[in-house]
Amino acid sequence: MAQAAGFTGMQALLDDLSRMAAEVQAEAGDIVLGAAVSMSADVKAQYGQGPTGNLARGVVVEKRTPLRVKVRTKAPHAHLFEFGT
């Protein structure tokens, strides 16, 4: 005689897992953004305050996707500080 096993609540479980993934992604996005902001503050501190402040002011955080962030500088002369003359 064949026996069948059933599982009730599978759709609810899948819905919960799907929501959890979104919540985890949102939390991870906050962590990534926080790390990028902290990194930009470190870079600005290393640049120090020059006569114009343009080096530090040029450091920006660009959010590309919820989990992808880029820290970069818009200062055209930043390469001189980075690599020397």
N, C-alpha and C. Protein backbone atom coordinates (compact mmCIF):
# COMPACT_ATOMS: atom_id res chain seq x y z
N MET A 1 0.84 -1.17 0.00
CA MET A 1 0.00 0.00 0.00
C MET A 1 0.89 1.24 0.00
N ALA A 2 0.63 2.20 -0.91
CA ALA A 2 1.41 3.43 -1.04
C ALA A 2 0.99 4.43 0.02
N GLN A 3 1.96 5.12 0.50
CA GLN A 3 1.68 6.15 1.49
C GLN A 3 2.09 7.49 0.92
N ALA A 4 1.37 8.50 1.26
CA ALA A 4 1.70 9.85 0.81
C ALA A 4 1.97 10.72 2.02
N ALA A 5 2.94 11.56 1.86
CA ALA A 5 3.26 12.50 2.93
C ALA A 5 2.90 13.89 2.43
N GLY A 6 2.34 14.67 3.24
CA GLY A 6 1.96 16.03 2.85
C GLY A 6 2.65 17.05 3.74
N PHE A 7 2.76 18.22 3.20
CA PHE A 7 3.38 19.31 3.94
C PHE A 7 2.50 20.54 3.77
N THR A 8 1.96 21.02 4.82
CA THR A 8 1.13 22.21 4.72
C THR A 8 1.95 23.43 5.10
N GLY A 9 1.63 24.55 4.49
CA GLY A 9 2.32 25.79 4.80
C GLY A 9 3.54 26.05 3.94
N MET A 10 3.72 25.28 2.87
CA MET A 10 4.90 25.47 2.02
C MET A 10 4.91 26.86 1.39
N GLN A 11 3.79 27.34 0.92
CA GLN A 11 3.74 28.67 0.29
C GLN A 11 4.07 29.76 1.31
N ALA A 12 3.58 29.61 2.51
CA ALA A 12 3.90 30.58 3.57
C ALA A 12 5.39 30.58 3.87
N LEU A 13 5.99 29.39 3.89
CA LEU A 13 7.43 29.29 4.11
C LEU A 13 8.20 29.97 2.99
N LEU A 14 7.81 29.70 1.76
CA LEU A 14 8.48 30.33 0.61
C LEU A 14 8.32 31.86 0.64
N ASP A 15 7.14 32.33 1.00
CA ASP A 15 6.91 33.77 1.11
C ASP A 15 7.81 34.39 2.18
N ASP A 16 7.90 33.71 3.32
CA ASP A 16 8.75 34.21 4.40
C ASP A 16 10.22 34.25 3.97
N LEU A 17 10.67 33.19 3.31
CA LEU A 17 12.06 33.14 2.84
C LEU A 17 12.32 34.25 1.82
N SER A 18 11.38 34.49 0.97
CA SER A 18 11.55 35.54 -0.04
C SER A 18 11.62 36.92 0.62
N ARG A 19 10.80 37.17 1.60
CA ARG A 19 10.84 38.45 2.33
C ARG A 19 12.14 38.57 3.12
N MET A 20 12.55 37.48 3.71
CA MET A 20 13.78 37.51 4.50
C MET A 20 14.96 37.89 3.61
N ALA A 21 14.99 37.37 2.41
CA ALA A 21 16.08 37.70 1.50
C ALA A 21 16.10 39.20 1.23
N ALA A 22 14.95 39.80 1.03
CA ALA A 22 14.88 41.24 0.78
C ALA A 22 15.34 42.02 2.02
N GLU A 23 14.91 41.56 3.19
CA GLU A 23 15.32 42.23 4.42
C GLU A 23 16.82 42.11 4.65
N VAL A 24 17.36 40.93 4.37
CA VAL A 24 18.80 40.70 4.54
C VAL A 24 19.57 41.57 3.54
N GLN A 25 19.07 41.66 2.30
CA GLN A 25 19.71 42.50 1.31
C GLN A 25 19.68 43.97 1.73
N ALA A 26 18.57 44.40 2.28
CA ALA A 26 18.48 45.79 2.73
C ALA A 26 19.46 46.06 3.87
N GLU A 27 19.55 45.13 4.81
CA GLU A 27 20.50 45.29 5.91
C GLU A 27 21.94 45.28 5.40
N ALA A 28 22.23 44.39 4.47
CA ALA A 28 23.57 44.32 3.89
C ALA A 28 23.89 45.61 3.15
N GLY A 29 22.90 46.16 2.44
CA GLY A 29 23.09 47.42 1.74
C GLY A 29 23.44 48.55 2.69
N ASP A 30 22.78 48.56 3.84
CA ASP A 30 23.10 49.58 4.86
C ASP A 30 24.53 49.42 5.36
N ILE A 31 24.95 48.18 5.54
CA ILE A 31 26.32 47.91 6.00
C ILE A 31 27.33 48.36 4.96
N VAL A 32 27.07 48.01 3.69
CA VAL A 32 27.97 48.40 2.60
C VAL A 32 28.07 49.91 2.49
N LEU A 33 26.93 50.60 2.54
CA LEU A 33 26.93 52.06 2.46
C LEU A 33 27.67 52.67 3.64
N GLY A 34 27.45 52.12 4.83
CA GLY A 34 28.16 52.62 6.02
C GLY A 34 29.66 52.46 5.89
N ALA A 35 30.10 51.33 5.34
CA ALA A 35 31.53 51.10 5.15
C ALA A 35 32.10 52.10 4.14
N ALA A 36 31.34 52.39 3.09
CA ALA A 36 31.79 53.33 2.07
C ALA A 36 31.90 54.75 2.65
N VAL A 37 30.94 55.14 3.44
CA VAL A 37 30.98 56.47 4.06
C VAL A 37 32.17 56.56 5.02
N SER A 38 32.42 55.49 5.77
CA SER A 38 33.57 55.47 6.67
C SER A 38 34.88 55.55 5.87
N MET A 39 34.94 54.84 4.78
CA MET A 39 36.14 54.86 3.93
C MET A 39 36.36 56.26 3.36
N SER A 40 35.29 56.90 2.91
CA SER A 40 35.45 58.25 2.36
C SER A 40 35.95 59.22 3.43
N ALA A 41 35.49 59.06 4.66
CA ALA A 41 35.96 59.91 5.76
C ALA A 41 37.45 59.68 6.01
N ASP A 42 37.89 58.42 5.94
CA ASP A 42 39.30 58.11 6.11
C ASP A 42 40.15 58.74 5.01
N VAL A 43 39.67 58.64 3.78
CA VAL A 43 40.41 59.22 2.65
C VAL A 43 40.50 60.74 2.81
N LYS A 44 39.39 61.36 3.17
CA LYS A 44 39.39 62.82 3.37
C LYS A 44 40.37 63.22 4.47
N ALA A 45 40.42 62.43 5.53
CA ALA A 45 41.33 62.73 6.63
C ALA A 45 42.79 62.60 6.19
N GLN A 46 43.08 61.62 5.34
CA GLN A 46 44.44 61.44 4.85
C GLN A 46 44.84 62.58 3.91
N TYR A 47 43.89 63.10 3.16
CA TYR A 47 44.20 64.24 2.29
C TYR A 47 44.57 65.47 3.12
N GLY A 48 43.95 65.60 4.27
CA GLY A 48 44.21 66.79 5.08
C GLY A 48 43.54 68.01 4.47
N GLN A 49 43.76 69.14 5.08
CA GLN A 49 43.15 70.38 4.60
C GLN A 49 44.22 71.20 3.88
N GLY A 50 44.11 71.28 2.59
CA GLY A 50 45.02 72.10 1.81
C GLY A 50 44.52 73.53 1.75
N PRO A 51 45.15 74.34 0.93
CA PRO A 51 44.75 75.74 0.85
C PRO A 51 43.32 75.93 0.34
N THR A 52 42.86 75.02 -0.53
CA THR A 52 41.50 75.18 -1.07
C THR A 52 40.51 74.16 -0.52
N GLY A 53 41.03 73.02 -0.06
CA GLY A 53 40.14 71.95 0.43
C GLY A 53 39.51 71.14 -0.68
N ASN A 54 39.93 71.36 -1.93
CA ASN A 54 39.31 70.68 -3.06
C ASN A 54 39.57 69.17 -3.08
N LEU A 55 40.73 68.74 -2.61
CA LEU A 55 41.01 67.30 -2.60
C LEU A 55 39.98 66.56 -1.74
N ALA A 56 39.82 66.99 -0.52
CA ALA A 56 38.89 66.33 0.39
C ALA A 56 37.45 66.52 -0.09
N ARG A 57 37.12 67.68 -0.58
CA ARG A 57 35.76 67.95 -1.03
C ARG A 57 35.40 67.10 -2.24
N GLY A 58 36.40 66.68 -3.01
CA GLY A 58 36.15 65.89 -4.20
C GLY A 58 35.82 64.43 -3.95
N VAL A 59 36.06 63.94 -2.73
CA VAL A 59 35.77 62.53 -2.42
C VAL A 59 34.26 62.36 -2.28
N VAL A 60 33.73 61.42 -3.06
CA VAL A 60 32.28 61.19 -3.05
C VAL A 60 31.99 59.69 -2.94
N VAL A 61 30.81 59.39 -2.45
CA VAL A 61 30.31 58.03 -2.37
C VAL A 61 29.18 57.93 -3.38
N GLU A 62 29.31 57.00 -4.32
CA GLU A 62 28.28 56.80 -5.34
C GLU A 62 27.64 55.43 -5.14
N LYS A 63 26.35 55.44 -4.91
CA LYS A 63 25.62 54.18 -4.73
C LYS A 63 25.19 53.68 -6.10
N ARG A 64 25.74 52.55 -6.53
CA ARG A 64 25.45 51.99 -7.86
C ARG A 64 24.22 51.10 -7.82
N THR A 65 24.18 50.19 -6.89
CA THR A 65 23.04 49.30 -6.65
C THR A 65 22.90 49.19 -5.14
N PRO A 66 21.87 48.55 -4.65
CA PRO A 66 21.76 48.43 -3.19
C PRO A 66 22.97 47.79 -2.52
N LEU A 67 23.70 46.94 -3.25
CA LEU A 67 24.85 46.26 -2.65
C LEU A 67 26.17 46.67 -3.29
N ARG A 68 26.15 47.69 -4.12
CA ARG A 68 27.39 48.11 -4.81
C ARG A 68 27.56 49.61 -4.67
N VAL A 69 28.67 50.00 -4.06
CA VAL A 69 28.96 51.41 -3.80
C VAL A 69 30.39 51.70 -4.24
N LYS A 70 30.58 52.89 -4.78
CA LYS A 70 31.92 53.28 -5.23
C LYS A 70 32.35 54.54 -4.50
N VAL A 71 33.56 54.51 -3.94
CA VAL A 71 34.16 55.68 -3.31
C VAL A 71 35.21 56.19 -4.29
N ARG A 72 35.08 57.43 -4.70
CA ARG A 72 36.03 57.98 -5.66
C ARG A 72 36.20 59.47 -5.43
N THR A 73 37.14 60.04 -6.16
CA THR A 73 37.35 61.48 -6.06
C THR A 73 37.05 62.13 -7.41
N LYS A 74 36.51 63.30 -7.34
CA LYS A 74 36.27 64.08 -8.55
C LYS A 74 37.35 65.15 -8.75
N ALA A 75 38.25 65.24 -7.79
CA ALA A 75 39.32 66.25 -7.88
C ALA A 75 40.29 65.85 -9.00
N PRO A 76 40.50 66.73 -9.97
CA PRO A 76 41.35 66.37 -11.11
C PRO A 76 42.82 66.20 -10.74
N HIS A 77 43.24 66.71 -9.61
CA HIS A 77 44.63 66.61 -9.22
C HIS A 77 44.88 65.55 -8.15
N ALA A 78 43.91 64.71 -7.87
CA ALA A 78 44.05 63.68 -6.84
C ALA A 78 45.14 62.68 -7.17
N HIS A 79 45.37 62.43 -8.44
CA HIS A 79 46.42 61.48 -8.83
C HIS A 79 47.80 61.93 -8.36
N LEU A 80 48.00 63.23 -8.23
CA LEU A 80 49.29 63.72 -7.75
C LEU A 80 49.53 63.30 -6.30
N PHE A 81 48.49 63.36 -5.51
CA PHE A 81 48.58 62.91 -4.11
C PHE A 81 48.74 61.40 -4.06
N GLU A 82 47.99 60.70 -4.89
CA GLU A 82 47.99 59.24 -4.88
C GLU A 82 49.31 58.64 -5.36
N PHE A 83 49.82 59.15 -6.48
CA PHE A 83 50.99 58.54 -7.11
C PHE A 83 52.25 59.40 -7.05
N GLY A 84 52.14 60.62 -6.60
CA GLY A 84 53.28 61.52 -6.56
C GLY A 84 53.48 62.24 -7.89
N THR A 85 54.49 63.05 -7.94
CA THR A 85 54.72 63.82 -9.18
C THR A 85 55.84 63.20 -9.99
